[in-house]
Amino acid sequence: MFLKSIMSDKKDLPQAYKPVLEAPEVIELFSRLTLHQQTALLRLMSRNLEVEINGETLMGYEMNFEVVGAMIKATESLD
């Protein structure tokens, strides 16, 4: 059985070739995440985020995200 699974010609497709989730599927998945999981996802997405407030630009990777009570708090990183 083990040898058969190793020798199998069936390979997993790379992620780039798998079908993309549609908007309702993404919303449904996001609604099932805990705040801590949502925070982790925000950290990943923030790499592609630019925030401009009052003429000052802050890149997402310069921000910290943390769960405070029932909210996710974003603050400027002091590192």
N, C-alpha and C. Protein backbone atom coordinates (compact mmCIF):
# COMPACT_ATOMS: atom_id res chain seq x y z
N MET A 1 0.83 -1.19 0.00
CA MET A 1 0.00 0.00 0.00
C MET A 1 0.87 1.26 0.00
N PHE A 2 1.86 1.32 0.91
CA PHE A 2 2.75 2.47 0.99
C PHE A 2 3.54 2.63 -0.30
N LEU A 3 4.08 1.52 -0.79
CA LEU A 3 4.87 1.56 -2.02
C LEU A 3 4.02 1.99 -3.20
N LYS A 4 2.78 1.53 -3.22
CA LYS A 4 1.87 1.90 -4.29
C LYS A 4 1.61 3.41 -4.31
N SER A 5 1.47 4.00 -3.10
CA SER A 5 1.22 5.44 -3.04
C SER A 5 2.44 6.24 -3.48
N ILE A 6 3.63 5.74 -3.22
CA ILE A 6 4.86 6.42 -3.65
C ILE A 6 5.03 6.32 -5.16
N MET A 7 4.72 5.17 -5.70
CA MET A 7 4.93 4.92 -7.13
C MET A 7 3.81 5.47 -8.00
N SER A 8 2.76 5.97 -7.41
CA SER A 8 1.62 6.48 -8.17
C SER A 8 2.04 7.63 -9.08
N ASP A 9 1.46 7.65 -10.27
CA ASP A 9 1.74 8.72 -11.23
C ASP A 9 0.92 9.97 -10.94
N LYS A 10 -0.07 9.85 -10.07
CA LYS A 10 -0.93 10.99 -9.78
C LYS A 10 -0.18 12.00 -8.91
N LYS A 11 -0.03 13.20 -9.40
CA LYS A 11 0.68 14.27 -8.68
C LYS A 11 -0.32 15.36 -8.31
N ASP A 12 -0.08 16.04 -7.20
CA ASP A 12 -0.90 17.19 -6.83
C ASP A 12 -0.57 18.35 -7.76
N LEU A 13 -1.61 19.06 -8.16
CA LEU A 13 -1.41 20.24 -9.01
C LEU A 13 -0.84 21.38 -8.18
N PRO A 14 0.06 22.16 -8.75
CA PRO A 14 0.53 23.36 -8.04
C PRO A 14 -0.65 24.30 -7.78
N GLN A 15 -0.56 25.09 -6.72
CA GLN A 15 -1.65 25.98 -6.33
C GLN A 15 -2.06 26.91 -7.47
N ALA A 16 -1.11 27.33 -8.30
CA ALA A 16 -1.42 28.26 -9.40
C ALA A 16 -2.38 27.64 -10.41
N TYR A 17 -2.46 26.31 -10.47
CA TYR A 17 -3.32 25.65 -11.45
C TYR A 17 -4.66 25.21 -10.86
N LYS A 18 -4.84 25.36 -9.55
CA LYS A 18 -6.09 24.98 -8.91
C LYS A 18 -7.11 26.12 -9.09
N PRO A 19 -8.39 25.78 -9.14
CA PRO A 19 -9.40 26.83 -9.32
C PRO A 19 -9.37 27.84 -8.18
N VAL A 20 -9.58 29.10 -8.51
CA VAL A 20 -9.59 30.18 -7.53
C VAL A 20 -10.94 30.19 -6.83
N LEU A 21 -10.93 30.46 -5.51
CA LEU A 21 -12.19 30.56 -4.78
C LEU A 21 -12.97 31.78 -5.26
N GLU A 22 -14.27 31.64 -5.34
CA GLU A 22 -15.14 32.75 -5.71
C GLU A 22 -15.45 33.57 -4.47
N ALA A 23 -15.93 34.79 -4.65
CA ALA A 23 -16.20 35.71 -3.54
C ALA A 23 -17.08 35.11 -2.44
N PRO A 24 -18.20 34.45 -2.77
CA PRO A 24 -19.03 33.88 -1.68
C PRO A 24 -18.28 32.83 -0.86
N GLU A 25 -17.42 32.06 -1.51
CA GLU A 25 -16.64 31.05 -0.80
C GLU A 25 -15.64 31.70 0.15
N VAL A 26 -15.01 32.78 -0.29
CA VAL A 26 -14.05 33.49 0.55
C VAL A 26 -14.76 34.11 1.75
N ILE A 27 -15.91 34.73 1.53
CA ILE A 27 -16.68 35.35 2.61
C ILE A 27 -17.13 34.29 3.61
N GLU A 28 -17.58 33.14 3.13
CA GLU A 28 -18.03 32.06 4.01
C GLU A 28 -16.86 31.53 4.84
N LEU A 29 -15.70 31.37 4.22
CA LEU A 29 -14.51 30.90 4.94
C LEU A 29 -14.10 31.92 6.01
N PHE A 30 -14.06 33.20 5.63
CA PHE A 30 -13.65 34.25 6.56
C PHE A 30 -14.60 34.32 7.76
N SER A 31 -15.88 34.10 7.54
CA SER A 31 -16.86 34.19 8.63
C SER A 31 -16.66 33.09 9.67
N ARG A 32 -15.99 32.00 9.29
CA ARG A 32 -15.75 30.90 10.23
C ARG A 32 -14.43 31.03 10.98
N LEU A 33 -13.62 32.03 10.63
CA LEU A 33 -12.33 32.20 11.30
C LEU A 33 -12.49 32.88 12.65
N THR A 34 -11.64 32.53 13.59
CA THR A 34 -11.62 33.23 14.88
C THR A 34 -10.91 34.57 14.69
N LEU A 35 -11.01 35.45 15.67
CA LEU A 35 -10.32 36.74 15.59
C LEU A 35 -8.81 36.55 15.47
N HIS A 36 -8.27 35.56 16.16
CA HIS A 36 -6.83 35.33 16.09
C HIS A 36 -6.42 34.85 14.70
N GLN A 37 -7.25 34.02 14.07
CA GLN A 37 -6.97 33.58 12.70
C GLN A 37 -7.11 34.74 11.72
N GLN A 38 -8.12 35.59 11.92
CA GLN A 38 -8.29 36.76 11.07
C GLN A 38 -7.09 37.71 11.20
N THR A 39 -6.58 37.85 12.43
CA THR A 39 -5.41 38.69 12.66
C THR A 39 -4.20 38.15 11.92
N ALA A 40 -4.00 36.84 11.97
CA ALA A 40 -2.89 36.22 11.25
C ALA A 40 -3.04 36.44 9.75
N LEU A 41 -4.26 36.34 9.24
CA LEU A 41 -4.51 36.59 7.82
C LEU A 41 -4.22 38.05 7.47
N LEU A 42 -4.58 38.98 8.33
CA LEU A 42 -4.29 40.40 8.11
C LEU A 42 -2.78 40.64 8.04
N ARG A 43 -2.02 39.96 8.89
CA ARG A 43 -0.57 40.10 8.84
C ARG A 43 -0.02 39.67 7.48
N LEU A 44 -0.58 38.58 6.94
CA LEU A 44 -0.13 38.12 5.62
C LEU A 44 -0.53 39.11 4.52
N MET A 45 -1.78 39.59 4.58
CA MET A 45 -2.27 40.50 3.55
C MET A 45 -1.62 41.87 3.64
N SER A 46 -1.16 42.26 4.83
CA SER A 46 -0.62 43.60 5.02
C SER A 46 0.69 43.81 4.25
N ARG A 47 1.31 42.75 3.81
CA ARG A 47 2.53 42.88 3.01
C ARG A 47 2.26 43.62 1.70
N ASN A 48 1.00 43.58 1.25
CA ASN A 48 0.60 44.24 0.00
C ASN A 48 -0.30 45.44 0.26
N LEU A 49 -0.16 46.04 1.43
CA LEU A 49 -1.05 47.12 1.84
C LEU A 49 -0.28 48.41 2.04
N GLU A 50 -0.87 49.48 1.56
CA GLU A 50 -0.32 50.83 1.78
C GLU A 50 -1.46 51.68 2.33
N VAL A 51 -1.25 52.31 3.49
CA VAL A 51 -2.27 53.12 4.12
C VAL A 51 -1.80 54.58 4.10
N GLU A 52 -2.67 55.46 3.63
CA GLU A 52 -2.34 56.89 3.61
C GLU A 52 -3.36 57.63 4.46
N ILE A 53 -2.88 58.29 5.52
CA ILE A 53 -3.75 59.06 6.41
C ILE A 53 -3.13 60.44 6.59
N ASN A 54 -3.91 61.48 6.29
CA ASN A 54 -3.46 62.87 6.42
C ASN A 54 -2.15 63.12 5.68
N GLY A 55 -2.01 62.55 4.49
CA GLY A 55 -0.82 62.76 3.68
C GLY A 55 0.39 61.92 4.09
N GLU A 56 0.27 61.15 5.16
CA GLU A 56 1.38 60.29 5.60
C GLU A 56 1.10 58.86 5.15
N THR A 57 2.10 58.24 4.53
CA THR A 57 1.95 56.89 4.03
C THR A 57 2.62 55.90 4.98
N LEU A 58 1.92 54.84 5.26
CA LEU A 58 2.42 53.77 6.12
C LEU A 58 2.23 52.46 5.38
N MET A 59 3.30 51.69 5.26
CA MET A 59 3.21 50.39 4.60
C MET A 59 2.67 49.37 5.59
N GLY A 60 1.93 48.40 5.07
CA GLY A 60 1.32 47.39 5.93
C GLY A 60 2.32 46.59 6.74
N TYR A 61 3.51 46.34 6.17
CA TYR A 61 4.50 45.57 6.91
C TYR A 61 5.12 46.38 8.05
N GLU A 62 4.80 47.66 8.14
CA GLU A 62 5.25 48.50 9.26
C GLU A 62 4.21 48.55 10.38
N MET A 63 3.18 47.70 10.29
CA MET A 63 2.09 47.72 11.26
C MET A 63 2.08 46.43 12.07
N ASN A 64 1.61 46.53 13.31
CA ASN A 64 1.36 45.39 14.17
C ASN A 64 -0.14 45.19 14.27
N PHE A 65 -0.57 43.95 14.27
CA PHE A 65 -1.98 43.62 14.43
C PHE A 65 -2.13 42.75 15.66
N GLU A 66 -3.10 43.08 16.52
CA GLU A 66 -3.33 42.29 17.72
C GLU A 66 -4.82 42.28 18.05
N VAL A 67 -5.23 41.24 18.75
CA VAL A 67 -6.62 41.12 19.19
C VAL A 67 -6.74 41.82 20.53
N VAL A 68 -7.67 42.78 20.61
CA VAL A 68 -7.95 43.49 21.85
C VAL A 68 -9.46 43.38 22.08
N GLY A 69 -9.82 42.55 23.05
CA GLY A 69 -11.25 42.32 23.30
C GLY A 69 -11.88 41.63 22.10
N ALA A 70 -12.88 42.27 21.53
CA ALA A 70 -13.58 41.70 20.38
C ALA A 70 -13.23 42.43 19.08
N MET A 71 -12.06 43.11 19.06
CA MET A 71 -11.63 43.86 17.88
C MET A 71 -10.19 43.51 17.53
N ILE A 72 -9.82 43.80 16.30
CA ILE A 72 -8.42 43.68 15.88
C ILE A 72 -7.86 45.10 15.83
N LYS A 73 -6.77 45.32 16.54
CA LYS A 73 -6.16 46.64 16.64
C LYS A 73 -4.88 46.67 15.79
N ALA A 74 -4.77 47.67 14.93
CA ALA A 74 -3.57 47.87 14.11
C ALA A 74 -2.83 49.09 14.65
N THR A 75 -1.55 48.92 14.92
CA THR A 75 -0.73 50.02 15.40
C THR A 75 0.56 50.07 14.59
N GLU A 76 1.18 51.24 14.60
CA GLU A 76 2.45 51.39 13.89
C GLU A 76 3.55 50.63 14.65
N SER A 77 4.33 49.89 13.91
CA SER A 77 5.42 49.13 14.52
C SER A 77 6.55 50.07 14.91
N LEU A 78 7.09 49.89 16.10
CA LEU A 78 8.18 50.75 16.56
C LEU A 78 9.53 50.07 16.37
N ASP A 79 9.56 48.90 15.73
CA ASP A 79 10.82 48.17 15.51
C ASP A 79 11.66 48.82 14.43
